[in-house]
PDB file of N, CA and C in Angstrom:
ATOM      1  N   MET A   1      -4.196  -2.992   2.911  1.00  0.00           N
ATOM      2  CA  MET A   1      -4.055  -1.915   1.945  1.00  0.00           C
ATOM      3  C   MET A   1      -2.984  -2.328   0.946  1.00  0.00           C
ATOM      4  N   SER A   2      -3.221  -2.024  -0.291  1.00  0.00           N
ATOM      5  CA  SER A   2      -2.275  -2.413  -1.327  1.00  0.00           C
ATOM      6  C   SER A   2      -1.021  -1.556  -1.252  1.00  0.00           C
ATOM      7  N   ARG A   3      -0.024  -1.997  -1.950  1.00  0.00           N
ATOM      8  CA  ARG A   3       1.257  -1.288  -1.954  1.00  0.00           C
ATOM      9  C   ARG A   3       1.107   0.109  -2.545  1.00  0.00           C
ATOM     10  N   ILE A   4       0.343   0.229  -3.621  1.00  0.00           N
ATOM     11  CA  ILE A   4       0.158   1.533  -4.267  1.00  0.00           C
ATOM     12  C   ILE A   4      -0.575   2.481  -3.329  1.00  0.00           C
ATOM     13  N   GLY A   5      -1.636   1.998  -2.709  1.00  0.00           N
ATOM     14  CA  GLY A   5      -2.389   2.833  -1.777  1.00  0.00           C
ATOM     15  C   GLY A   5      -1.546   3.259  -0.594  1.00  0.00           C
ATOM     16  N   ARG A   6      -0.750   2.327  -0.080  1.00  0.00           N
ATOM     17  CA  ARG A   6       0.130   2.636   1.050  1.00  0.00           C
ATOM     18  C   ARG A   6       1.176   3.661   0.645  1.00  0.00           C
ATOM     19  N   ASP A   7       1.791   3.447  -0.523  1.00  0.00           N
ATOM     20  CA  ASP A   7       2.809   4.384  -0.995  1.00  0.00           C
ATOM     21  C   ASP A   7       2.223   5.769  -1.218  1.00  0.00           C
ATOM     22  N   LEU A   8       1.033   5.827  -1.778  1.00  0.00           N
ATOM     23  CA  LEU A   8       0.390   7.117  -2.021  1.00  0.00           C
ATOM     24  C   LEU A   8       0.057   7.807  -0.700  1.00  0.00           C
ATOM     25  N   THR A   9      -0.393   7.029   0.281  1.00  0.00           N
ATOM     26  CA  THR A   9      -0.682   7.591   1.600  1.00  0.00           C
ATOM     27  C   THR A   9       0.577   8.167   2.225  1.00  0.00           C
ATOM     28  N   PHE A  10       1.690   7.425   2.141  1.00  0.00           N
ATOM     29  CA  PHE A  10       2.949   7.922   2.688  1.00  0.00           C
ATOM     30  C   PHE A  10       3.422   9.164   1.938  1.00  0.00           C
ATOM     31  N   LEU A  11       3.238   9.192   0.630  1.00  0.00           N
ATOM     32  CA  LEU A  11       3.630  10.356  -0.166  1.00  0.00           C
ATOM     33  C   LEU A  11       2.849  11.588   0.273  1.00  0.00           C
ATOM     34  N   LEU A  12       1.536  11.448   0.384  1.00  0.00           N
ATOM     35  CA  LEU A  12       0.699  12.580   0.776  1.00  0.00           C
ATOM     36  C   LEU A  12       1.017  13.045   2.193  1.00  0.00           C
ATOM     37  N   THR A  13       1.235  12.097   3.102  1.00  0.00           N
ATOM     38  CA  THR A  13       1.578  12.443   4.474  1.00  0.00           C
ATOM     39  C   THR A  13       2.925  13.149   4.533  1.00  0.00           C
ATOM     40  N   GLY A  14       3.888  12.650   3.783  1.00  0.00           N
ATOM     41  CA  GLY A  14       5.208  13.277   3.751  1.00  0.00           C
ATOM     42  C   GLY A  14       5.169  14.684   3.192  1.00  0.00           C
ATOM     43  N   ILE A  15       4.385  14.874   2.139  1.00  0.00           N
ATOM     44  CA  ILE A  15       4.256  16.213   1.549  1.00  0.00           C
ATOM     45  C   ILE A  15       3.653  17.178   2.571  1.00  0.00           C
ATOM     46  N   ALA A  16       2.586  16.740   3.224  1.00  0.00           N
ATOM     47  CA  ALA A  16       1.918  17.615   4.191  1.00  0.00           C
ATOM     48  C   ALA A  16       2.829  17.932   5.376  1.00  0.00           C
ATOM     49  N   ALA A  17       3.472  16.908   5.934  1.00  0.00           N
ATOM     50  CA  ALA A  17       4.338  17.120   7.091  1.00  0.00           C
ATOM     51  C   ALA A  17       5.544  17.983   6.729  1.00  0.00           C
ATOM     52  N   GLY A  18       6.155  17.713   5.603  1.00  0.00           N
ATOM     53  CA  GLY A  18       7.311  18.497   5.181  1.00  0.00           C
ATOM     54  C   GLY A  18       6.961  19.940   4.908  1.00  0.00           C
ATOM     55  N   SER A  19       5.828  20.166   4.292  1.00  0.00           N
ATOM     56  CA  SER A  19       5.393  21.540   4.016  1.00  0.00           C
ATOM     57  C   SER A  19       5.123  22.298   5.308  1.00  0.00           C
ATOM     58  N   LEU A  20       4.417  21.663   6.223  1.00  0.00           N
ATOM     59  CA  LEU A  20       4.104  22.306   7.492  1.00  0.00           C
ATOM     60  C   LEU A  20       5.378  22.622   8.265  1.00  0.00           C
ATOM     61  N   PHE A  21       6.264  21.662   8.381  1.00  0.00           N
ATOM     62  CA  PHE A  21       7.520  21.859   9.107  1.00  0.00           C
ATOM     63  C   PHE A  21       8.344  22.963   8.454  1.00  0.00           C
ATOM     64  N   GLY A  22       8.423  22.929   7.141  1.00  0.00           N
ATOM     65  CA  GLY A  22       9.203  23.935   6.423  1.00  0.00           C
ATOM     66  C   GLY A  22       8.656  25.335   6.588  1.00  0.00           C
ATOM     67  N   LEU A  23       7.344  25.467   6.572  1.00  0.00           N
ATOM     68  CA  LEU A  23       6.744  26.794   6.732  1.00  0.00           C
ATOM     69  C   LEU A  23       6.884  27.318   8.153  1.00  0.00           C
ATOM     70  N   LEU A  24       6.777  26.428   9.127  1.00  0.00           N
ATOM     71  CA  LEU A  24       6.880  26.863  10.516  1.00  0.00           C
ATOM     72  C   LEU A  24       8.298  27.300  10.882  1.00  0.00           C
ATOM     73  N   TYR A  25       9.286  26.658  10.317  1.00  0.00           N
ATOM     74  CA  TYR A  25      10.667  26.939  10.679  1.00  0.00           C
ATOM     75  C   TYR A  25      11.438  27.603   9.546  1.00  0.00           C
ATOM     76  N   ALA A  26      10.752  28.288   8.675  1.00  0.00           N
ATOM     77  CA  ALA A  26      11.397  28.922   7.523  1.00  0.00           C
ATOM     78  C   ALA A  26      12.276  30.086   7.984  1.00  0.00           C
ATOM     79  N   PRO A  27      13.573  30.021   7.700  1.00  0.00           N
ATOM     80  CA  PRO A  27      14.468  31.103   8.112  1.00  0.00           C
ATOM     81  C   PRO A  27      14.501  32.254   7.106  1.00  0.00           C
ATOM     82  N   ASP A  28      13.907  32.070   5.945  1.00  0.00           N
ATOM     83  CA  ASP A  28      13.992  33.070   4.886  1.00  0.00           C
ATOM     84  C   ASP A  28      12.739  33.937   4.837  1.00  0.00           C
ATOM     85  N   LYS A  29      12.827  34.987   4.019  1.00  0.00           N
ATOM     86  CA  LYS A  29      11.691  35.880   3.815  1.00  0.00           C
ATOM     87  C   LYS A  29      10.583  35.148   3.072  1.00  0.00           C
ATOM     88  N   GLY A  30       9.399  35.717   3.119  1.00  0.00           N
ATOM     89  CA  GLY A  30       8.229  35.085   2.515  1.00  0.00           C
ATOM     90  C   GLY A  30       8.366  34.813   1.032  1.00  0.00           C
ATOM     91  N   LYS A  31       8.896  35.757   0.268  1.00  0.00           N
ATOM     92  CA  LYS A  31       9.026  35.578  -1.180  1.00  0.00           C
ATOM     93  C   LYS A  31       9.960  34.421  -1.494  1.00  0.00           C
ATOM     94  N   ILE A  32      11.062  34.341  -0.788  1.00  0.00           N
ATOM     95  CA  ILE A  32      12.017  33.250  -1.018  1.00  0.00           C
ATOM     96  C   ILE A  32      11.372  31.915  -0.662  1.00  0.00           C
ATOM     97  N   THR A  33      10.664  31.887   0.464  1.00  0.00           N
ATOM     98  CA  THR A  33       9.987  30.656   0.875  1.00  0.00           C
ATOM     99  C   THR A  33       8.928  30.257  -0.146  1.00  0.00           C
ATOM    100  N   ARG A  34       8.164  31.225  -0.654  1.00  0.00           N
ATOM    101  CA  ARG A  34       7.139  30.915  -1.656  1.00  0.00           C
ATOM    102  C   ARG A  34       7.766  30.391  -2.942  1.00  0.00           C
ATOM    103  N   ASP A  35       8.896  30.977  -3.339  1.00  0.00           N
ATOM    104  CA  ASP A  35       9.588  30.494  -4.540  1.00  0.00           C
ATOM    105  C   ASP A  35      10.054  29.052  -4.358  1.00  0.00           C
ATOM    106  N   ARG A  36      10.620  28.768  -3.201  1.00  0.00           N
ATOM    107  CA  ARG A  36      11.073  27.394  -2.928  1.00  0.00           C
ATOM    108  C   ARG A  36       9.894  26.431  -2.888  1.00  0.00           C
ATOM    109  N   LEU A  37       8.808  26.867  -2.244  1.00  0.00           N
ATOM    110  CA  LEU A  37       7.620  26.022  -2.161  1.00  0.00           C
ATOM    111  C   LEU A  37       7.056  25.761  -3.551  1.00  0.00           C
ATOM    112  N   SER A  38       7.037  26.774  -4.376  1.00  0.00           N
ATOM    113  CA  SER A  38       6.557  26.620  -5.748  1.00  0.00           C
ATOM    114  C   SER A  38       7.417  25.620  -6.513  1.00  0.00           C
ATOM    115  N   PHE A  39       8.727  25.708  -6.348  1.00  0.00           N
ATOM    116  CA  PHE A  39       9.638  24.778  -7.015  1.00  0.00           C
ATOM    117  C   PHE A  39       9.384  23.351  -6.545  1.00  0.00           C
ATOM    118  N   ARG A  40       9.261  23.170  -5.242  1.00  0.00           N
ATOM    119  CA  ARG A  40       9.031  21.822  -4.711  1.00  0.00           C
ATOM    120  C   ARG A  40       7.680  21.275  -5.153  1.00  0.00           C
ATOM    121  N   LEU A  41       6.672  22.127  -5.168  1.00  0.00           N
ATOM    122  CA  LEU A  41       5.358  21.671  -5.623  1.00  0.00           C
ATOM    123  C   LEU A  41       5.404  21.232  -7.079  1.00  0.00           C
ATOM    124  N   SER A  42       6.172  21.939  -7.891  1.00  0.00           N
ATOM    125  CA  SER A  42       6.275  21.528  -9.295  1.00  0.00           C
ATOM    126  C   SER A  42       6.992  20.186  -9.407  1.00  0.00           C
ATOM    127  N   LYS A  43       7.994  19.947  -8.553  1.00  0.00           N
ATOM    128  CA  LYS A  43       8.679  18.649  -8.548  1.00  0.00           C
ATOM    129  C   LYS A  43       7.725  17.535  -8.118  1.00  0.00           C
ATOM    130  N   TYR A  44       6.930  17.797  -7.064  1.00  0.00           N
ATOM    131  CA  TYR A  44       5.956  16.804  -6.619  1.00  0.00           C
ATOM    132  C   TYR A  44       4.940  16.530  -7.717  1.00  0.00           C
ATOM    133  N   ARG A  45       4.569  17.580  -8.435  1.00  0.00           N
ATOM    134  CA  ARG A  45       3.612  17.422  -9.527  1.00  0.00           C
ATOM    135  C   ARG A  45       4.178  16.487 -10.594  1.00  0.00           C
ATOM    136  N   GLU A  46       5.451  16.655 -10.921  1.00  0.00           N
ATOM    137  CA  GLU A  46       6.092  15.779 -11.901  1.00  0.00           C
ATOM    138  C   GLU A  46       6.091  14.332 -11.417  1.00  0.00           C
ATOM    139  N   GLN A  47       6.408  14.131 -10.125  1.00  0.00           N
ATOM    140  CA  GLN A  47       6.429  12.776  -9.580  1.00  0.00           C
ATOM    141  C   GLN A  47       5.040  12.145  -9.620  1.00  0.00           C
ATOM    142  N   ILE A  48       4.029  12.924  -9.297  1.00  0.00           N
ATOM    143  CA  ILE A  48       2.665  12.396  -9.312  1.00  0.00           C
ATOM    144  C   ILE A  48       2.239  12.065 -10.734  1.00  0.00           C
ATOM    145  N   ASN A  49       2.615  12.905 -11.690  1.00  0.00           N
ATOM    146  CA  ASN A  49       2.297  12.606 -13.092  1.00  0.00           C
ATOM    147  C   ASN A  49       2.960  11.306 -13.531  1.00  0.00           C
ATOM    148  N   LEU A  50       4.203  11.088 -13.108  1.00  0.00           N
ATOM    149  CA  LEU A  50       4.879   9.828 -13.433  1.00  0.00           C
ATOM    150  C   LEU A  50       4.154   8.646 -12.799  1.00  0.00           C
ATOM    151  N   LEU A  51       3.708   8.822 -11.552  1.00  0.00           N
ATOM    152  CA  LEU A  51       2.957   7.765 -10.876  1.00  0.00           C
ATOM    153  C   LEU A  51       1.665   7.462 -11.628  1.00  0.00           C
ATOM    154  N   LEU A  52       0.975   8.506 -12.068  1.00  0.00           N
ATOM    155  CA  LEU A  52      -0.261   8.298 -12.828  1.00  0.00           C
ATOM    156  C   LEU A  52       0.007   7.573 -14.138  1.00  0.00           C
ATOM    157  N   GLU A  53       1.102   7.915 -14.805  1.00  0.00           N
ATOM    158  CA  GLU A  53       1.456   7.215 -16.042  1.00  0.00           C
ATOM    159  C   GLU A  53       1.725   5.744 -15.765  1.00  0.00           C
ATOM    160  N   ASP A  54       2.454   5.458 -14.676  1.00  0.00           N
ATOM    161  CA  ASP A  54       2.728   4.067 -14.315  1.00  0.00           C
ATOM    162  C   ASP A  54       1.436   3.320 -14.010  1.00  0.00           C
ATOM    163  N   LEU A  55       0.527   3.982 -13.290  1.00  0.00           N
ATOM    164  CA  LEU A  55      -0.752   3.344 -12.983  1.00  0.00           C
ATOM    165  C   LEU A  55      -1.539   3.072 -14.255  1.00  0.00           C
ATOM    166  N   GLY A  56      -1.510   4.018 -15.170  1.00  0.00           N
ATOM    167  CA  GLY A  56      -2.221   3.841 -16.436  1.00  0.00           C
ATOM    168  C   GLY A  56      -1.628   2.730 -17.271  1.00  0.00           C
ATOM    169  N   ASN A  57      -0.303   2.611 -17.257  1.00  0.00           N
ATOM    170  CA  ASN A  57       0.357   1.569 -18.037  1.00  0.00           C
ATOM    171  C   ASN A  57       0.129   0.185 -17.447  1.00  0.00           C
ATOM    172  N   SER A  58      -0.024   0.110 -16.119  1.00  0.00           N
ATOM    173  CA  SER A  58      -0.177  -1.199 -15.491  1.00  0.00           C
ATOM    174  C   SER A  58      -1.633  -1.644 -15.406  1.00  0.00           C
ATOM    175  N   ALA A  59      -2.561  -0.763 -15.743  1.00  0.00           N
ATOM    176  CA  ALA A  59      -3.985  -1.118 -15.657  1.00  0.00           C
ATOM    177  C   ALA A  59      -4.348  -2.082 -16.777  1.00  0.00           C
ATOM    178  N   GLU A  60      -4.925  -3.225 -16.383  1.00  0.00           N
ATOM    179  CA  GLU A  60      -5.369  -4.231 -17.342  1.00  0.00           C
ATOM    180  C   GLU A  60      -6.817  -4.573 -17.042  1.00  0.00           C
ATOM    181  N   GLN A  61      -7.455  -5.290 -17.938  1.00  0.00           N
ATOM    182  CA  GLN A  61      -8.825  -5.719 -17.710  1.00  0.00           C
ATOM    183  C   GLN A  61      -8.840  -6.791 -16.618  1.00  0.00           C
ATOM    184  N   PRO A  62      -9.621  -6.574 -15.570  1.00  0.00           N
ATOM    185  CA  PRO A  62      -9.686  -7.567 -14.491  1.00  0.00           C
ATOM    186  C   PRO A  62     -10.416  -8.829 -14.942  1.00  0.00           C
ATOM    187  N   GLU A  63      -9.911  -9.977 -14.473  1.00  0.00           N
ATOM    188  CA  GLU A  63     -10.503 -11.255 -14.849  1.00  0.00           C
ATOM    189  C   GLU A  63     -11.209 -11.939 -13.686  1.00  0.00           C
ATOM    190  N   ASN A  64     -10.861 -11.590 -12.456  1.00  0.00           N
ATOM    191  CA  ASN A  64     -11.518 -12.207 -11.311  1.00  0.00           C
ATOM    192  C   ASN A  64     -11.669 -11.185 -10.188  1.00  0.00           C
ATOM    193  N   SER A  65     -12.195 -11.619  -9.049  1.00  0.00           N
ATOM    194  CA  SER A  65     -12.504 -10.684  -7.964  1.00  0.00           C
ATOM    195  C   SER A  65     -11.256 -10.014  -7.393  1.00  0.00           C
ATOM    196  N   SER A  66     -10.144 -10.732  -7.297  1.00  0.00           N
ATOM    197  CA  SER A  66      -8.933 -10.101  -6.766  1.00  0.00           C
ATOM    198  C   SER A  66      -8.409  -9.038  -7.728  1.00  0.00           C
ATOM    199  N   LYS A  67      -8.523  -9.294  -9.015  1.00  0.00           N
ATOM    200  CA  LYS A  67      -8.114  -8.277  -9.983  1.00  0.00           C
ATOM    201  C   LYS A  67      -9.079  -7.100  -9.960  1.00  0.00           C
ATOM    202  N   ASN A  68     -10.373  -7.384  -9.724  1.00  0.00           N
ATOM    203  CA  ASN A  68     -11.342  -6.291  -9.587  1.00  0.00           C
ATOM    204  C   ASN A  68     -10.967  -5.393  -8.414  1.00  0.00           C
ATOM    205  N   GLU A  69     -10.600  -6.015  -7.306  1.00  0.00           N
ATOM    206  CA  GLU A  69     -10.189  -5.248  -6.126  1.00  0.00           C
ATOM    207  C   GLU A  69      -8.924  -4.448  -6.422  1.00  0.00           C
ATOM    208  N   GLY A  70      -7.986  -5.063  -7.089  1.00  0.00           N
ATOM    209  CA  GLY A  70      -6.762  -4.356  -7.469  1.00  0.00           C
ATOM    210  C   GLY A  70      -7.054  -3.178  -8.379  1.00  0.00           C
ATOM    211  N   GLN A  71      -7.953  -3.367  -9.318  1.00  0.00           N
ATOM    212  CA  GLN A  71      -8.331  -2.279 -10.224  1.00  0.00           C
ATOM    213  C   GLN A  71      -9.004  -1.147  -9.455  1.00  0.00           C
ATOM    214  N   ARG A  72      -9.821  -1.503  -8.473  1.00  0.00           N
ATOM    215  CA  ARG A  72     -10.482  -0.487  -7.651  1.00  0.00           C
ATOM    216  C   ARG A  72      -9.452   0.332  -6.882  1.00  0.00           C
ATOM    217  N   VAL A  73      -8.447  -0.345  -6.323  1.00  0.00           N
ATOM    218  CA  VAL A  73      -7.389   0.349  -5.585  1.00  0.00           C
ATOM    219  C   VAL A  73      -6.612   1.273  -6.519  1.00  0.00           C
ATOM    220  N   VAL A  74      -6.302   0.789  -7.715  1.00  0.00           N
ATOM    221  CA  VAL A  74      -5.585   1.616  -8.696  1.00  0.00           C
ATOM    222  C   VAL A  74      -6.416   2.843  -9.052  1.00  0.00           C
ATOM    223  N   ASN A  75      -7.709   2.652  -9.266  1.00  0.00           N
ATOM    224  CA  ASN A  75      -8.577   3.784  -9.597  1.00  0.00           C
ATOM    225  C   ASN A  75      -8.662   4.779  -8.446  1.00  0.00           C
ATOM    226  N   ASP A  76      -8.749   4.267  -7.200  1.00  0.00           N
ATOM    227  CA  ASP A  76      -8.770   5.156  -6.039  1.00  0.00           C
ATOM    228  C   ASP A  76      -7.474   5.952  -5.939  1.00  0.00           C
ATOM    229  N   ALA A  77      -6.348   5.275  -6.143  1.00  0.00           N
ATOM    230  CA  ALA A  77      -5.053   5.959  -6.084  1.00  0.00           C
ATOM    231  C   ALA A  77      -4.960   7.019  -7.172  1.00  0.00           C
ATOM    232  N   ARG A  78      -5.463   6.691  -8.349  1.00  0.00           N
ATOM    233  CA  ARG A  78      -5.441   7.658  -9.454  1.00  0.00           C
ATOM    234  C   ARG A  78      -6.279   8.889  -9.110  1.00  0.00           C
ATOM    235  N   GLU A  79      -7.462   8.675  -8.534  1.00  0.00           N
ATOM    236  CA  GLU A  79      -8.328   9.798  -8.162  1.00  0.00           C
ATOM    237  C   GLU A  79      -7.663  10.671  -7.100  1.00  0.00           C
ATOM    238  N   LYS A  80      -7.039  10.033  -6.099  1.00  0.00           N
ATOM    239  CA  LYS A  80      -6.359  10.797  -5.051  1.00  0.00           C
ATOM    240  C   LYS A  80      -5.200  11.595  -5.631  1.00  0.00           C
ATOM    241  N   ALA A  81      -4.455  10.991  -6.521  1.00  0.00           N
ATOM    242  CA  ALA A  81      -3.327  11.689  -7.137  1.00  0.00           C
ATOM    243  C   ALA A  81      -3.811  12.859  -7.981  1.00  0.00           C
ATOM    244  N   GLU A  82      -4.917  12.684  -8.687  1.00  0.00           N
ATOM    245  CA  GLU A  82      -5.456  13.781  -9.494  1.00  0.00           C
ATOM    246  C   GLU A  82      -5.950  14.921  -8.613  1.00  0.00           C
ATOM    247  N   ARG A  83      -6.561  14.586  -7.472  1.00  0.00           N
ATOM    248  CA  ARG A  83      -6.978  15.643  -6.542  1.00  0.00           C
ATOM    249  C   ARG A  83      -5.765  16.370  -5.985  1.00  0.00           C
ATOM    250  N   LEU A  84      -4.698  15.622  -5.694  1.00  0.00           N
ATOM    251  CA  LEU A  84      -3.473  16.240  -5.198  1.00  0.00           C
ATOM    252  C   LEU A  84      -2.885  17.175  -6.250  1.00  0.00           C
ATOM    253  N   LEU A  85      -2.921  16.763  -7.505  1.00  0.00           N
ATOM    254  CA  LEU A  85      -2.439  17.633  -8.584  1.00  0.00           C
ATOM    255  C   LEU A  85      -3.254  18.924  -8.656  1.00  0.00           C
ATOM    256  N   GLU A  86      -4.561  18.810  -8.488  1.00  0.00           N
ATOM    257  CA  GLU A  86      -5.399  20.009  -8.492  1.00  0.00           C
ATOM    258  C   GLU A  86      -5.024  20.928  -7.334  1.00  0.00           C
ATOM    259  N   ASP A  87      -4.765  20.339  -6.150  1.00  0.00           N
ATOM    260  CA  ASP A  87      -4.350  21.140  -5.000  1.00  0.00           C
ATOM    261  C   ASP A  87      -3.016  21.826  -5.260  1.00  0.00           C
ATOM    262  N   VAL A  88      -2.091  21.097  -5.866  1.00  0.00           N
ATOM    263  CA  VAL A  88      -0.785  21.673  -6.194  1.00  0.00           C
ATOM    264  C   VAL A  88      -0.959  22.833  -7.166  1.00  0.00           C
ATOM    265  N   ASP A  89      -1.791  22.654  -8.175  1.00  0.00           N
ATOM    266  CA  ASP A  89      -2.032  23.732  -9.140  1.00  0.00           C
ATOM    267  C   ASP A  89      -2.626  24.960  -8.461  1.00  0.00           C
ATOM    268  N   ARG A  90      -3.578  24.735  -7.544  1.00  0.00           N
ATOM    269  CA  ARG A  90      -4.185  25.854  -6.822  1.00  0.00           C
ATOM    270  C   ARG A  90      -3.148  26.580  -5.968  1.00  0.00           C
ATOM    271  N   LEU A  91      -2.309  25.813  -5.256  1.00  0.00           N
ATOM    272  CA  LEU A  91      -1.272  26.423  -4.424  1.00  0.00           C
ATOM    273  C   LEU A  91      -0.285  27.220  -5.266  1.00  0.00           C
ATOM    274  N   MET A  92       0.108  26.662  -6.398  1.00  0.00           N
ATOM    275  CA  MET A  92       1.052  27.368  -7.261  1.00  0.00           C
ATOM    276  C   MET A  92       0.433  28.656  -7.798  1.00  0.00           C
ATOM    277  N   ALA A  93      -0.852  28.629  -8.113  1.00  0.00           N
ATOM    278  CA  ALA A  93      -1.531  29.841  -8.585  1.00  0.00           C
ATOM    279  C   ALA A  93      -1.578  30.895  -7.481  1.00  0.00           C
ATOM    280  N   GLN A  94      -1.831  30.462  -6.245  1.00  0.00           N
ATOM    281  CA  GLN A  94      -1.844  31.399  -5.125  1.00  0.00           C
ATOM    282  C   GLN A  94      -0.465  32.003  -4.902  1.00  0.00           C
ATOM    283  N   ILE A  95       0.568  31.180  -5.002  1.00  0.00           N
ATOM    284  CA  ILE A  95       1.932  31.668  -4.813  1.00  0.00           C
ATOM    285  C   ILE A  95       2.277  32.680  -5.891  1.00  0.00           C
ATOM    286  N   LYS A  96       1.938  32.369  -7.127  1.00  0.00           N
ATOM    287  CA  LYS A  96       2.216  33.300  -8.226  1.00  0.00           C
ATOM    288  C   LYS A  96       1.454  34.601  -8.038  1.00  0.00           C
ATOM    289  N   GLN A  97       0.216  34.507  -7.553  1.00  0.00           N
ATOM    290  CA  GLN A  97      -0.588  35.702  -7.337  1.00  0.00           C
ATOM    291  C   GLN A  97       0.022  36.559  -6.230  1.00  0.00           C
ATOM    292  N   GLN A  98       0.558  35.944  -5.192  1.00  0.00           N
ATOM    293  CA  GLN A  98       1.174  36.693  -4.102  1.00  0.00           C
ATOM    294  C   GLN A  98       2.481  37.336  -4.537  1.00  0.00           C
ATOM    295  N   ASN A  99       3.162  36.732  -5.488  1.00  0.00           N
ATOM    296  CA  ASN A  99       4.431  37.279  -5.963  1.00  0.00           C
ATOM    297  C   ASN A  99       4.237  38.487  -6.866  1.00  0.00           C
ATOM    298  N   THR A 100       3.031  38.655  -7.412  1.00  0.00           N
ATOM    299  CA  THR A 100       2.815  39.793  -8.318  1.00  0.00           C
ATOM    300  C   THR A 100       2.254  40.987  -7.603  1.00  0.00           C
TER     301      THR A 100
END
């Protein structure tokens, strides 16, 4: 697995594990927890957008099979990051809806 794919996998795993742990052991009321979760999700969204920009800047035309494979990995990572952004947007919308 490439470095980008591995890093993205660790990022997604860390987000999921941290969110689950935080929700299970949350000492605060629901509104406070939702506000904190919303803030963290927005921070993760910013980090993912930066990652996507870096991936876009580093993407070049492949010249051989190894570059083709690298481009495929970059495209897969980009798709996963975009799906994660959509999930973050959905979660933030749900949190905002619960706060109103």
